[in-house]
């Protein structure tokens, strides 16, 4: 797993859990529901894997109509990782120099952190779908 995958997942999480007014400005109810559905439909084996989730997030943001979401993801990512790939190379070292070196000690912590972020994304998706379901049911019952 690459640290940048964790940053991508965290940057996306930050978009979704932004303060309500900011989220409304960025994400309409329909778009939040589309994101929730997309996250819920990701294969089970990928849902807690930051590397796979980063790929799914990038693919979703690259879909037509999601250009602004892709831009926000990039802005959040840049705030999380201002030095970009240079910072990752400094942390992990050049693989050519240390290809046979033992893994860095902080790796399990980063793996756990990445898994936790992925769990939060799934929790957000479930809660969003529940809100939409309850809101939809209430709207139907109120229209009678």
Foldseek 3Di string as FASTA:
>chain_A
DALLLLLLLVLLLCQLPPPPVSVVVVAPLVRLLVLLVLLVPDPPVQLQFSVSVSVSSVVVCPPPPNVVVVVSSVVSSCVVPVPPPVVRCVVFPDCVVPVPPDGDPCVVVSSVSSSVSSVSSNVSSVVSVVVVVVVVVVVVVVVD
